[in-house]
Amino acid sequence: MSSHTAWSNLCLLSIVFSTSCASRAHLGNYNVSFESFLDHGLEPLSTVSTRTFEVFSPANGTESQQFPLLVFAHGAAGGGMDMEIYREHLKDVASFGFVVIAPSSCFMGCSGSYVADRHGCFPRWPSFVYENIRAIKYAQNQSKEGSEWARKIAWETGIGAFAHSMGGEAVVQLAGKFASEYKVKAIVCEHCFPCHETGAQIDKPALFFTGDQDYIVTAKKVKAAYATDTATPKTYANARGRGHMEVTSLPLSYNPAISMQTAAFMKVWLSGDNGHFHDVVYGKGPNSVCGYAPMVECDHDLGKSTALAVPVFV
């Protein structure tokens, strides 16, 4: 089966089997509002003229309460009806006190050839970063205009970015060459495949999730991205028995632990948490990144940092 056919089959599955994000209680302390906004206008570097921004925001905060902004870059089969498979994950992340914006565009990538190169890299994927940048700019504009959801954003904390699969090509750029301009402070790669845009350009704390049952973007590929990332702190978690679609609501797929741990990582690096959420990321407990499930490999690389006293799992 070709890579293109595999992605197309996943797309069909997502349409047939996806479930509503309203079907289960949230993980965090906040109820979550979901809104969708159509945005018209050609983005020259992605060649996309219309996209939808899906926004998840805390619904029961105080009138003056604000929350960090996270941008989510979907996988190759996202960007259309398929976005529904991510809504449970995005809602759960937002329920910990974040405004999450996710551009729905670039199904199977944005501009360029559909044919993968000899390394399995898809030329259409890297330009997806410009749709994610547009999402950040949209949030900035809506905040200035006093939009109800955008007024909740705490811009002073900086921005976090997280991604699934193809979206890895976007977030490594956000954590590299675009980090300073858009104040990106941390990224999470969920079964990401940064291929053209490798992990080498990452300049911010990063967390890489994978699993030994991922046959689409194998653990070996995620580990390669982690290895080329020279910035620290960084974390690599390869969970036994976990597959590519664990951040989606496809049947028997969704793993809420990834949502909670993604939120915890952002709490540490955007909000400065040094207690509970720090322990979720860097501790040894049953809810921690390296302790919640059997691991093939799990490693925290702090480099020369002395700011965090964390264990290393092998």
C-alpha atoms as a PDB file:
ATOM      1  CA  MET A   1       0.000   0.000   0.000  1.00  0.00           C
ATOM      2  CA  SER A   2       1.369   3.417  -0.917  1.00  0.00           C
ATOM      3  CA  SER A   3       1.822   6.145   1.703  1.00  0.00           C
ATOM      4  CA  HIS A   4      -0.764   8.275  -0.098  1.00  0.00           C
ATOM      5  CA  THR A   5      -3.314   5.422  -0.012  1.00  0.00           C
ATOM      6  CA  ALA A   6      -2.665   4.824   3.691  1.00  0.00           C
ATOM      7  CA  TRP A   7      -3.345   8.464   4.502  1.00  0.00           C
ATOM      8  CA  SER A   8      -6.498   8.428   2.357  1.00  0.00           C
ATOM      9  CA  ASN A   9      -7.800   5.345   4.165  1.00  0.00           C
ATOM     10  CA  LEU A  10      -7.238   7.040   7.511  1.00  0.00           C
ATOM     11  CA  CYS A  11      -9.213   9.996   6.220  1.00  0.00           C
ATOM     12  CA  LEU A  12     -12.179   7.775   5.345  1.00  0.00           C
ATOM     13  CA  LEU A  13     -12.056   6.056   8.716  1.00  0.00           C
ATOM     14  CA  SER A  14     -12.060   9.388  10.497  1.00  0.00           C
ATOM     15  CA  ILE A  15     -15.190  10.516   8.673  1.00  0.00           C
ATOM     16  CA  VAL A  16     -17.069   7.268   9.350  1.00  0.00           C
ATOM     17  CA  PHE A  17     -16.059   6.642  12.950  1.00  0.00           C
ATOM     18  CA  SER A  18     -15.310  10.007  14.559  1.00  0.00           C
ATOM     19  CA  THR A  19     -17.225  10.904  17.708  1.00  0.00           C
ATOM     20  CA  SER A  20     -18.330  14.150  19.250  1.00  0.00           C
ATOM     21  CA  CYS A  21     -16.008  15.939  21.636  1.00  0.00           C
ATOM     22  CA  ALA A  22     -19.052  16.559  23.819  1.00  0.00           C
ATOM     23  CA  SER A  23     -19.466  12.844  24.574  1.00  0.00           C
ATOM     24  CA  ARG A  24     -17.220  12.777  27.660  1.00  0.00           C
ATOM     25  CA  ALA A  25     -16.425  15.029  30.600  1.00  0.00           C
ATOM     26  CA  HIS A  26     -13.350  17.242  30.342  1.00  0.00           C
ATOM     27  CA  LEU A  27     -10.064  16.245  32.017  1.00  0.00           C
ATOM     28  CA  GLY A  28      -9.067  19.571  33.550  1.00  0.00           C
ATOM     29  CA  ASN A  29     -10.791  22.051  35.850  1.00  0.00           C
ATOM     30  CA  TYR A  30     -12.460  24.125  33.141  1.00  0.00           C
ATOM     31  CA  ASN A  31     -15.505  23.618  30.997  1.00  0.00           C
ATOM     32  CA  VAL A  32     -14.649  24.305  27.371  1.00  0.00           C
ATOM     33  CA  SER A  33     -16.384  26.344  24.697  1.00  0.00           C
ATOM     34  CA  PHE A  34     -15.959  25.329  21.066  1.00  0.00           C
ATOM     35  CA  GLU A  35     -16.278  27.842  18.231  1.00  0.00           C
ATOM     36  CA  SER A  36     -15.474  27.727  14.532  1.00  0.00           C
ATOM     37  CA  PHE A  37     -14.565  30.714  12.356  1.00  0.00           C
ATOM     38  CA  LEU A  38     -14.280  30.904   8.571  1.00  0.00           C
ATOM     39  CA  ASP A  39     -11.324  32.981   7.402  1.00  0.00           C
ATOM     40  CA  HIS A  40     -11.103  34.160   3.786  1.00  0.00           C
ATOM     41  CA  GLY A  41      -7.939  35.492   2.194  1.00  0.00           C
ATOM     42  CA  LEU A  42      -5.104  34.080   0.165  1.00  0.00           C
ATOM     43  CA  GLU A  43      -2.055  33.051   2.175  1.00  0.00           C
ATOM     44  CA  PRO A  44       0.595  33.207  -0.587  1.00  0.00           C
ATOM     45  CA  LEU A  45       3.130  30.905   1.064  1.00  0.00           C
ATOM     46  CA  SER A  46       0.601  28.143   1.678  1.00  0.00           C
ATOM     47  CA  THR A  47      -1.485  28.944  -1.444  1.00  0.00           C
ATOM     48  CA  VAL A  48      -4.665  28.485   0.630  1.00  0.00           C
ATOM     49  CA  SER A  49      -7.457  31.026   0.121  1.00  0.00           C
ATOM     50  CA  THR A  50      -9.989  29.855   2.731  1.00  0.00           C
ATOM     51  CA  ARG A  51      -9.625  28.001   5.994  1.00  0.00           C
ATOM     52  CA  THR A  52     -11.527  27.418   9.225  1.00  0.00           C
ATOM     53  CA  PHE A  53     -10.099  28.169  12.654  1.00  0.00           C
ATOM     54  CA  GLU A  54     -11.395  25.904  15.398  1.00  0.00           C
ATOM     55  CA  VAL A  55     -11.134  27.499  18.835  1.00  0.00           C
ATOM     56  CA  PHE A  56     -11.416  25.827  22.244  1.00  0.00           C
ATOM     57  CA  SER A  57     -11.402  28.094  25.304  1.00  0.00           C
ATOM     58  CA  PRO A  58     -12.166  27.847  29.033  1.00  0.00           C
ATOM     59  CA  ALA A  59     -15.813  28.688  29.599  1.00  0.00           C
ATOM     60  CA  ASN A  60     -16.020  29.062  33.369  1.00  0.00           C
ATOM     61  CA  GLY A  61     -13.097  31.292  34.275  1.00  0.00           C
ATOM     62  CA  THR A  62     -13.558  34.624  35.979  1.00  0.00           C
ATOM     63  CA  GLU A  63     -14.378  37.727  33.954  1.00  0.00           C
ATOM     64  CA  SER A  64     -10.780  38.951  34.047  1.00  0.00           C
ATOM     65  CA  GLN A  65      -9.018  35.575  33.868  1.00  0.00           C
ATOM     66  CA  GLN A  66      -6.683  34.944  30.951  1.00  0.00           C
ATOM     67  CA  PHE A  67      -4.960  31.834  29.613  1.00  0.00           C
ATOM     68  CA  PRO A  68      -1.967  31.027  27.377  1.00  0.00           C
ATOM     69  CA  LEU A  69      -2.582  30.453  23.677  1.00  0.00           C
ATOM     70  CA  LEU A  70      -1.706  27.130  22.068  1.00  0.00           C
ATOM     71  CA  VAL A  71      -1.792  26.492  18.326  1.00  0.00           C
ATOM     72  CA  PHE A  72      -2.419  22.934  17.084  1.00  0.00           C
ATOM     73  CA  ALA A  73      -1.181  21.665  13.711  1.00  0.00           C
ATOM     74  CA  HIS A  74      -3.214  18.687  12.516  1.00  0.00           C
ATOM     75  CA  GLY A  75      -2.059  15.602  10.652  1.00  0.00           C
ATOM     76  CA  ALA A  76      -2.290  14.973   6.916  1.00  0.00           C
ATOM     77  CA  ALA A  77      -5.875  13.682   7.050  1.00  0.00           C
ATOM     78  CA  GLY A  78      -7.022  16.777   8.930  1.00  0.00           C
ATOM     79  CA  GLY A  79      -8.030  19.977   7.253  1.00  0.00           C
ATOM     80  CA  GLY A  80     -11.630  19.068   6.508  1.00  0.00           C
ATOM     81  CA  MET A  81     -14.388  16.951   8.025  1.00  0.00           C
ATOM     82  CA  ASP A  82     -11.570  14.958   9.613  1.00  0.00           C
ATOM     83  CA  MET A  83     -10.840  17.710  12.144  1.00  0.00           C
ATOM     84  CA  GLU A  84     -13.595  16.213  14.265  1.00  0.00           C
ATOM     85  CA  ILE A  85     -11.315  13.363  15.267  1.00  0.00           C
ATOM     86  CA  TYR A  86      -9.063  15.850  17.093  1.00  0.00           C
ATOM     87  CA  ARG A  87     -11.747  17.737  19.000  1.00  0.00           C
ATOM     88  CA  GLU A  88     -11.751  15.492  22.059  1.00  0.00           C
ATOM     89  CA  HIS A  89      -7.997  15.908  22.384  1.00  0.00           C
ATOM     90  CA  LEU A  90      -8.097  19.672  21.882  1.00  0.00           C
ATOM     91  CA  LYS A  91     -10.983  20.086  24.299  1.00  0.00           C
ATOM     92  CA  ASP A  92      -9.110  18.129  26.953  1.00  0.00           C
ATOM     93  CA  VAL A  93      -5.949  20.192  26.540  1.00  0.00           C
ATOM     94  CA  ALA A  94      -7.969  23.424  26.751  1.00  0.00           C
ATOM     95  CA  SER A  95      -9.731  22.213  29.918  1.00  0.00           C
ATOM     96  CA  PHE A  96      -6.454  22.658  31.820  1.00  0.00           C
ATOM     97  CA  GLY A  97      -6.573  26.396  31.209  1.00  0.00           C
ATOM     98  CA  PHE A  98      -5.546  27.161  27.634  1.00  0.00           C
ATOM     99  CA  VAL A  99      -7.041  28.809  24.590  1.00  0.00           C
ATOM    100  CA  VAL A 100      -6.410  26.418  21.698  1.00  0.00           C
ATOM    101  CA  ILE A 101      -6.663  27.476  18.057  1.00  0.00           C
ATOM    102  CA  ALA A 102      -6.370  24.935  15.240  1.00  0.00           C
ATOM    103  CA  PRO A 103      -6.352  25.825  11.540  1.00  0.00           C
ATOM    104  CA  SER A 104      -8.412  23.424   9.461  1.00  0.00           C
ATOM    105  CA  SER A 105      -6.814  23.566   6.037  1.00  0.00           C
ATOM    106  CA  CYS A 106      -4.198  21.894   3.873  1.00  0.00           C
ATOM    107  CA  PHE A 107      -5.702  18.413   3.594  1.00  0.00           C
ATOM    108  CA  MET A 108      -2.741  16.170   2.738  1.00  0.00           C
ATOM    109  CA  GLY A 109      -0.525  19.263   2.792  1.00  0.00           C
ATOM    110  CA  CYS A 110      -0.561  22.730   1.257  1.00  0.00           C
ATOM    111  CA  SER A 111       1.559  23.623  -1.763  1.00  0.00           C
ATOM    112  CA  GLY A 112       3.817  21.377  -3.820  1.00  0.00           C
ATOM    113  CA  SER A 113       3.870  17.833  -5.147  1.00  0.00           C
ATOM    114  CA  TYR A 114       1.796  15.010  -3.642  1.00  0.00           C
ATOM    115  CA  VAL A 115       4.613  12.544  -4.351  1.00  0.00           C
ATOM    116  CA  ALA A 116       6.938  11.669  -1.475  1.00  0.00           C
ATOM    117  CA  ASP A 117      10.683  11.807  -2.027  1.00  0.00           C
ATOM    118  CA  ARG A 118      13.034   8.881  -1.483  1.00  0.00           C
ATOM    119  CA  HIS A 119      13.132   9.577   2.251  1.00  0.00           C
ATOM    120  CA  GLY A 120       9.341   9.428   2.554  1.00  0.00           C
ATOM    121  CA  CYS A 121       9.080  13.207   2.978  1.00  0.00           C
ATOM    122  CA  PHE A 122       6.086  14.961   1.441  1.00  0.00           C
ATOM    123  CA  PRO A 123       6.877  18.296  -0.280  1.00  0.00           C
ATOM    124  CA  ARG A 124       3.378  19.647   0.498  1.00  0.00           C
ATOM    125  CA  TRP A 125       3.843  19.518   4.271  1.00  0.00           C
ATOM    126  CA  PRO A 126       6.350  22.245   5.295  1.00  0.00           C
ATOM    127  CA  SER A 127       4.223  25.153   3.986  1.00  0.00           C
ATOM    128  CA  PHE A 128       1.507  24.206   6.493  1.00  0.00           C
ATOM    129  CA  VAL A 129       3.423  26.364   8.977  1.00  0.00           C
ATOM    130  CA  TYR A 130       2.034  29.473   7.282  1.00  0.00           C
ATOM    131  CA  GLU A 131      -1.531  28.422   8.062  1.00  0.00           C
ATOM    132  CA  ASN A 132      -0.532  28.037  11.705  1.00  0.00           C
ATOM    133  CA  ILE A 133       1.147  31.443  11.678  1.00  0.00           C
ATOM    134  CA  ARG A 134      -2.038  32.852  10.181  1.00  0.00           C
ATOM    135  CA  ALA A 135      -3.949  31.299  13.106  1.00  0.00           C
ATOM    136  CA  ILE A 136      -1.699  33.154  15.563  1.00  0.00           C
ATOM    137  CA  LYS A 137      -2.181  36.424  13.669  1.00  0.00           C
ATOM    138  CA  TYR A 138      -5.942  35.832  13.587  1.00  0.00           C
ATOM    139  CA  ALA A 139      -5.971  35.423  17.360  1.00  0.00           C
ATOM    140  CA  GLN A 140      -3.915  38.591  17.756  1.00  0.00           C
ATOM    141  CA  ASN A 141      -6.339  40.571  15.590  1.00  0.00           C
ATOM    142  CA  GLN A 142      -9.373  39.175  17.349  1.00  0.00           C
ATOM    143  CA  SER A 143      -7.829  40.084  20.691  1.00  0.00           C
ATOM    144  CA  LYS A 144      -7.344  43.685  19.565  1.00  0.00           C
ATOM    145  CA  GLU A 145     -10.937  43.793  18.357  1.00  0.00           C
ATOM    146  CA  GLY A 146     -12.219  42.578  21.717  1.00  0.00           C
ATOM    147  CA  SER A 147     -13.568  39.205  20.600  1.00  0.00           C
ATOM    148  CA  GLU A 148     -15.062  37.287  23.532  1.00  0.00           C
ATOM    149  CA  TRP A 149     -12.825  34.242  23.130  1.00  0.00           C
ATOM    150  CA  ALA A 150      -9.656  36.145  22.216  1.00  0.00           C
ATOM    151  CA  ARG A 151      -9.860  38.504  25.187  1.00  0.00           C
ATOM    152  CA  LYS A 152      -9.126  35.413  27.309  1.00  0.00           C
ATOM    153  CA  ILE A 153      -5.599  35.100  25.885  1.00  0.00           C
ATOM    154  CA  ALA A 154      -2.640  35.919  28.142  1.00  0.00           C
ATOM    155  CA  TRP A 155      -0.169  37.104  25.534  1.00  0.00           C
ATOM    156  CA  GLU A 156       2.559  37.868  28.052  1.00  0.00           C
ATOM    157  CA  THR A 157       3.166  34.144  28.722  1.00  0.00           C
ATOM    158  CA  GLY A 158       4.202  33.435  25.146  1.00  0.00           C
ATOM    159  CA  ILE A 159       2.675  30.784  22.885  1.00  0.00           C
ATOM    160  CA  GLY A 160       2.860  27.009  22.831  1.00  0.00           C
ATOM    161  CA  ALA A 161       2.492  24.782  19.763  1.00  0.00           C
ATOM    162  CA  PHE A 162       1.613  21.120  19.506  1.00  0.00           C
ATOM    163  CA  ALA A 163       1.063  18.880  16.522  1.00  0.00           C
ATOM    164  CA  HIS A 164       0.176  15.456  15.220  1.00  0.00           C
ATOM    165  CA  SER A 165       1.973  13.694  12.379  1.00  0.00           C
ATOM    166  CA  MET A 166       2.267  16.061   9.366  1.00  0.00           C
ATOM    167  CA  GLY A 167       1.899  18.999  11.749  1.00  0.00           C
ATOM    168  CA  GLY A 168       5.390  18.256  12.993  1.00  0.00           C
ATOM    169  CA  GLU A 169       6.732  20.029   9.909  1.00  0.00           C
ATOM    170  CA  ALA A 170       4.968  23.166  11.171  1.00  0.00           C
ATOM    171  CA  VAL A 171       5.813  23.143  14.875  1.00  0.00           C
ATOM    172  CA  VAL A 172       9.542  22.569  14.464  1.00  0.00           C
ATOM    173  CA  GLN A 173       9.605  25.760  12.397  1.00  0.00           C
ATOM    174  CA  LEU A 174       7.538  27.572  15.015  1.00  0.00           C
ATOM    175  CA  ALA A 175      10.098  26.508  17.622  1.00  0.00           C
ATOM    176  CA  GLY A 176      12.972  27.545  15.381  1.00  0.00           C
ATOM    177  CA  LYS A 177      13.066  30.283  12.796  1.00  0.00           C
ATOM    178  CA  PHE A 178       9.683  31.733  13.821  1.00  0.00           C
ATOM    179  CA  ALA A 179      10.038  31.364  17.609  1.00  0.00           C
ATOM    180  CA  SER A 180      11.275  34.859  18.346  1.00  0.00           C
ATOM    181  CA  GLU A 181       8.799  36.666  16.092  1.00  0.00           C
ATOM    182  CA  TYR A 182       5.745  34.879  17.514  1.00  0.00           C
ATOM    183  CA  LYS A 183       7.036  34.277  21.061  1.00  0.00           C
ATOM    184  CA  VAL A 184       6.763  30.503  20.846  1.00  0.00           C
ATOM    185  CA  LYS A 185       8.086  29.055  24.115  1.00  0.00           C
ATOM    186  CA  ALA A 186       7.572  25.283  23.846  1.00  0.00           C
ATOM    187  CA  ILE A 187       6.354  22.549  21.495  1.00  0.00           C
ATOM    188  CA  VAL A 188       4.916  19.048  21.763  1.00  0.00           C
ATOM    189  CA  CYS A 189       5.267  16.589  18.874  1.00  0.00           C
ATOM    190  CA  GLU A 190       2.627  13.840  18.974  1.00  0.00           C
ATOM    191  CA  HIS A 191       3.764  11.099  16.608  1.00  0.00           C
ATOM    192  CA  CYS A 192       5.270  13.875  14.484  1.00  0.00           C
ATOM    193  CA  PHE A 193       7.120  13.496  11.216  1.00  0.00           C
ATOM    194  CA  PRO A 194       9.367  16.551  10.806  1.00  0.00           C
ATOM    195  CA  CYS A 195      11.140  15.425   7.686  1.00  0.00           C
ATOM    196  CA  HIS A 196      11.998  18.326   5.379  1.00  0.00           C
ATOM    197  CA  GLU A 197      12.052  20.630   8.398  1.00  0.00           C
ATOM    198  CA  THR A 198      14.080  18.519  10.826  1.00  0.00           C
ATOM    199  CA  GLY A 199      14.357  18.742  14.577  1.00  0.00           C
ATOM    200  CA  ALA A 200      17.761  20.399  14.152  1.00  0.00           C
ATOM    201  CA  GLN A 201      16.230  23.865  14.009  1.00  0.00           C
ATOM    202  CA  ILE A 202      14.293  23.568  17.290  1.00  0.00           C
ATOM    203  CA  ASP A 203      15.373  26.208  19.780  1.00  0.00           C
ATOM    204  CA  LYS A 204      12.807  25.691  22.553  1.00  0.00           C
ATOM    205  CA  PRO A 205      11.867  22.965  25.070  1.00  0.00           C
ATOM    206  CA  ALA A 206      10.261  20.043  23.243  1.00  0.00           C
ATOM    207  CA  LEU A 207       8.388  16.862  24.109  1.00  0.00           C
ATOM    208  CA  PHE A 208       8.193  13.997  21.596  1.00  0.00           C
ATOM    209  CA  PHE A 209       5.527  11.280  21.950  1.00  0.00           C
ATOM    210  CA  THR A 210       5.553   8.032  19.982  1.00  0.00           C
ATOM    211  CA  GLY A 211       4.695   4.350  20.410  1.00  0.00           C
ATOM    212  CA  ASP A 212       5.984   1.003  19.233  1.00  0.00           C
ATOM    213  CA  GLN A 213       2.693   0.279  17.458  1.00  0.00           C
ATOM    214  CA  ASP A 214       2.939   3.338  15.205  1.00  0.00           C
ATOM    215  CA  TYR A 215       3.421   1.941  11.725  1.00  0.00           C
ATOM    216  CA  ILE A 216       2.692   5.236   9.937  1.00  0.00           C
ATOM    217  CA  VAL A 217       5.317   7.473  11.530  1.00  0.00           C
ATOM    218  CA  THR A 218       7.488   4.906  13.248  1.00  0.00           C
ATOM    219  CA  ALA A 219       9.192   5.444  16.580  1.00  0.00           C
ATOM    220  CA  LYS A 220      12.485   5.364  14.701  1.00  0.00           C
ATOM    221  CA  LYS A 221      11.467   8.460  12.720  1.00  0.00           C
ATOM    222  CA  VAL A 222      10.331  10.324  15.834  1.00  0.00           C
ATOM    223  CA  LYS A 223      13.542   9.354  17.627  1.00  0.00           C
ATOM    224  CA  ALA A 224      15.521  10.763  14.681  1.00  0.00           C
ATOM    225  CA  ALA A 225      13.748  14.100  15.085  1.00  0.00           C
ATOM    226  CA  TYR A 226      14.483  14.037  18.818  1.00  0.00           C
ATOM    227  CA  ALA A 227      18.135  13.181  18.184  1.00  0.00           C
ATOM    228  CA  THR A 228      18.661  16.067  15.750  1.00  0.00           C
ATOM    229  CA  ASP A 229      17.092  18.527  18.206  1.00  0.00           C
ATOM    230  CA  THR A 230      20.092  20.192  19.864  1.00  0.00           C
ATOM    231  CA  ALA A 231      18.025  22.379  22.187  1.00  0.00           C
ATOM    232  CA  THR A 232      17.386  21.296  25.754  1.00  0.00           C
ATOM    233  CA  PRO A 233      15.461  20.453  27.827  1.00  0.00           C
ATOM    234  CA  LYS A 234      13.863  17.853  25.607  1.00  0.00           C
ATOM    235  CA  THR A 235      11.955  14.648  26.303  1.00  0.00           C
ATOM    236  CA  TYR A 236      11.343  11.486  24.268  1.00  0.00           C
ATOM    237  CA  ALA A 237       8.620   9.003  25.264  1.00  0.00           C
ATOM    238  CA  ASN A 238       8.115   5.763  23.317  1.00  0.00           C
ATOM    239  CA  ALA A 239       5.176   3.954  24.940  1.00  0.00           C
ATOM    240  CA  ARG A 240       4.656   0.252  24.517  1.00  0.00           C
ATOM    241  CA  GLY A 241       1.449  -0.689  22.709  1.00  0.00           C
ATOM    242  CA  ARG A 242       0.579   2.836  21.524  1.00  0.00           C
ATOM    243  CA  GLY A 243      -0.195   3.660  17.881  1.00  0.00           C
ATOM    244  CA  HIS A 244      -0.277   6.633  15.565  1.00  0.00           C
ATOM    245  CA  MET A 245      -3.870   7.682  16.169  1.00  0.00           C
ATOM    246  CA  GLU A 246      -3.854   7.877  19.981  1.00  0.00           C
ATOM    247  CA  VAL A 247      -4.654  11.606  19.978  1.00  0.00           C
ATOM    248  CA  THR A 248      -7.758  11.028  17.864  1.00  0.00           C
ATOM    249  CA  SER A 249     -11.243   9.756  18.689  1.00  0.00           C
ATOM    250  CA  LEU A 250     -11.108   6.903  16.194  1.00  0.00           C
ATOM    251  CA  PRO A 251     -12.375   3.642  17.739  1.00  0.00           C
ATOM    252  CA  LEU A 252     -10.142   2.255  20.498  1.00  0.00           C
ATOM    253  CA  SER A 253      -7.566   4.966  19.843  1.00  0.00           C
ATOM    254  CA  TYR A 254      -7.898   7.966  22.137  1.00  0.00           C
ATOM    255  CA  ASN A 255      -5.380   8.180  24.962  1.00  0.00           C
ATOM    256  CA  PRO A 256      -6.329  11.035  27.337  1.00  0.00           C
ATOM    257  CA  ALA A 257      -2.974  10.725  29.115  1.00  0.00           C
ATOM    258  CA  ILE A 258      -1.326  12.428  26.133  1.00  0.00           C
ATOM    259  CA  SER A 259      -3.731  15.359  26.444  1.00  0.00           C
ATOM    260  CA  MET A 260      -3.030  15.751  30.154  1.00  0.00           C
ATOM    261  CA  GLN A 261       0.729  15.453  29.679  1.00  0.00           C
ATOM    262  CA  THR A 262       0.733  17.906  26.772  1.00  0.00           C
ATOM    263  CA  ALA A 263      -1.112  20.401  28.964  1.00  0.00           C
ATOM    264  CA  ALA A 264       1.309  19.738  31.828  1.00  0.00           C
ATOM    265  CA  PHE A 265       4.315  20.421  29.593  1.00  0.00           C
ATOM    266  CA  MET A 266       2.799  23.734  28.558  1.00  0.00           C
ATOM    267  CA  LYS A 267       2.029  24.571  32.190  1.00  0.00           C
ATOM    268  CA  VAL A 268       5.721  24.136  32.995  1.00  0.00           C
ATOM    269  CA  TRP A 269       7.146  26.123  30.089  1.00  0.00           C
ATOM    270  CA  LEU A 270       4.492  28.802  29.627  1.00  0.00           C
ATOM    271  CA  SER A 271       3.164  29.243  33.151  1.00  0.00           C
ATOM    272  CA  GLY A 272       6.266  28.335  35.157  1.00  0.00           C
ATOM    273  CA  ASP A 273       4.681  25.500  37.142  1.00  0.00           C
ATOM    274  CA  ASN A 274       7.186  23.820  39.445  1.00  0.00           C
ATOM    275  CA  GLY A 275       4.760  21.586  41.328  1.00  0.00           C
ATOM    276  CA  HIS A 276       2.088  19.153  40.177  1.00  0.00           C
ATOM    277  CA  PHE A 277       2.424  19.670  36.422  1.00  0.00           C
ATOM    278  CA  HIS A 278       6.207  19.677  36.631  1.00  0.00           C
ATOM    279  CA  ASP A 279       5.970  16.262  38.286  1.00  0.00           C
ATOM    280  CA  VAL A 280       3.619  15.000  35.578  1.00  0.00           C
ATOM    281  CA  VAL A 281       6.270  15.808  32.976  1.00  0.00           C
ATOM    282  CA  TYR A 282       9.491  15.063  34.835  1.00  0.00           C
ATOM    283  CA  GLY A 283       8.495  12.884  37.796  1.00  0.00           C
ATOM    284  CA  LYS A 284       8.210   9.123  38.280  1.00  0.00           C
ATOM    285  CA  GLY A 285       4.565   8.917  39.335  1.00  0.00           C
ATOM    286  CA  PRO A 286       1.778   6.850  37.741  1.00  0.00           C
ATOM    287  CA  ASN A 287       0.520   9.874  35.752  1.00  0.00           C
ATOM    288  CA  SER A 288       3.941  11.013  34.560  1.00  0.00           C
ATOM    289  CA  VAL A 289       5.172  11.026  30.967  1.00  0.00           C
ATOM    290  CA  CYS A 290       7.624   8.213  31.645  1.00  0.00           C
ATOM    291  CA  GLY A 291       5.666   6.427  34.362  1.00  0.00           C
ATOM    292  CA  TYR A 292       2.038   6.204  33.238  1.00  0.00           C
ATOM    293  CA  ALA A 293       2.525   3.205  30.933  1.00  0.00           C
ATOM    294  CA  PRO A 294       5.150   0.582  30.057  1.00  0.00           C
ATOM    295  CA  MET A 295       7.856   2.277  28.038  1.00  0.00           C
ATOM    296  CA  VAL A 296      10.127   0.990  25.295  1.00  0.00           C
ATOM    297  CA  GLU A 297      12.279   4.033  25.975  1.00  0.00           C
ATOM    298  CA  CYS A 298      11.778   7.301  27.821  1.00  0.00           C
ATOM    299  CA  ASP A 299      14.408   9.946  28.286  1.00  0.00           C
ATOM    300  CA  HIS A 300      14.717  13.477  29.644  1.00  0.00           C
ATOM    301  CA  ASP A 301      17.710  15.366  28.275  1.00  0.00           C
ATOM    302  CA  LEU A 302      18.325  18.537  30.262  1.00  0.00           C
ATOM    303  CA  GLY A 303      21.631  19.357  28.631  1.00  0.00           C
ATOM    304  CA  LYS A 304      23.463  21.877  30.810  1.00  0.00           C
ATOM    305  CA  SER A 305      20.280  23.090  32.471  1.00  0.00           C
ATOM    306  CA  THR A 306      20.252  23.076  36.259  1.00  0.00           C
ATOM    307  CA  ALA A 307      16.797  24.601  36.519  1.00  0.00           C
ATOM    308  CA  LEU A 308      15.069  21.240  36.702  1.00  0.00           C
ATOM    309  CA  ALA A 309      16.098  18.265  38.792  1.00  0.00           C
ATOM    310  CA  VAL A 310      14.450  15.444  36.814  1.00  0.00           C
ATOM    311  CA  PRO A 311      15.042  11.706  36.516  1.00  0.00           C
ATOM    312  CA  VAL A 312      16.285   9.989  33.367  1.00  0.00           C
ATOM    313  CA  PHE A 313      14.457   6.822  32.319  1.00  0.00           C
ATOM    314  CA  VAL A 314      16.040   4.230  30.052  1.00  0.00           C
END
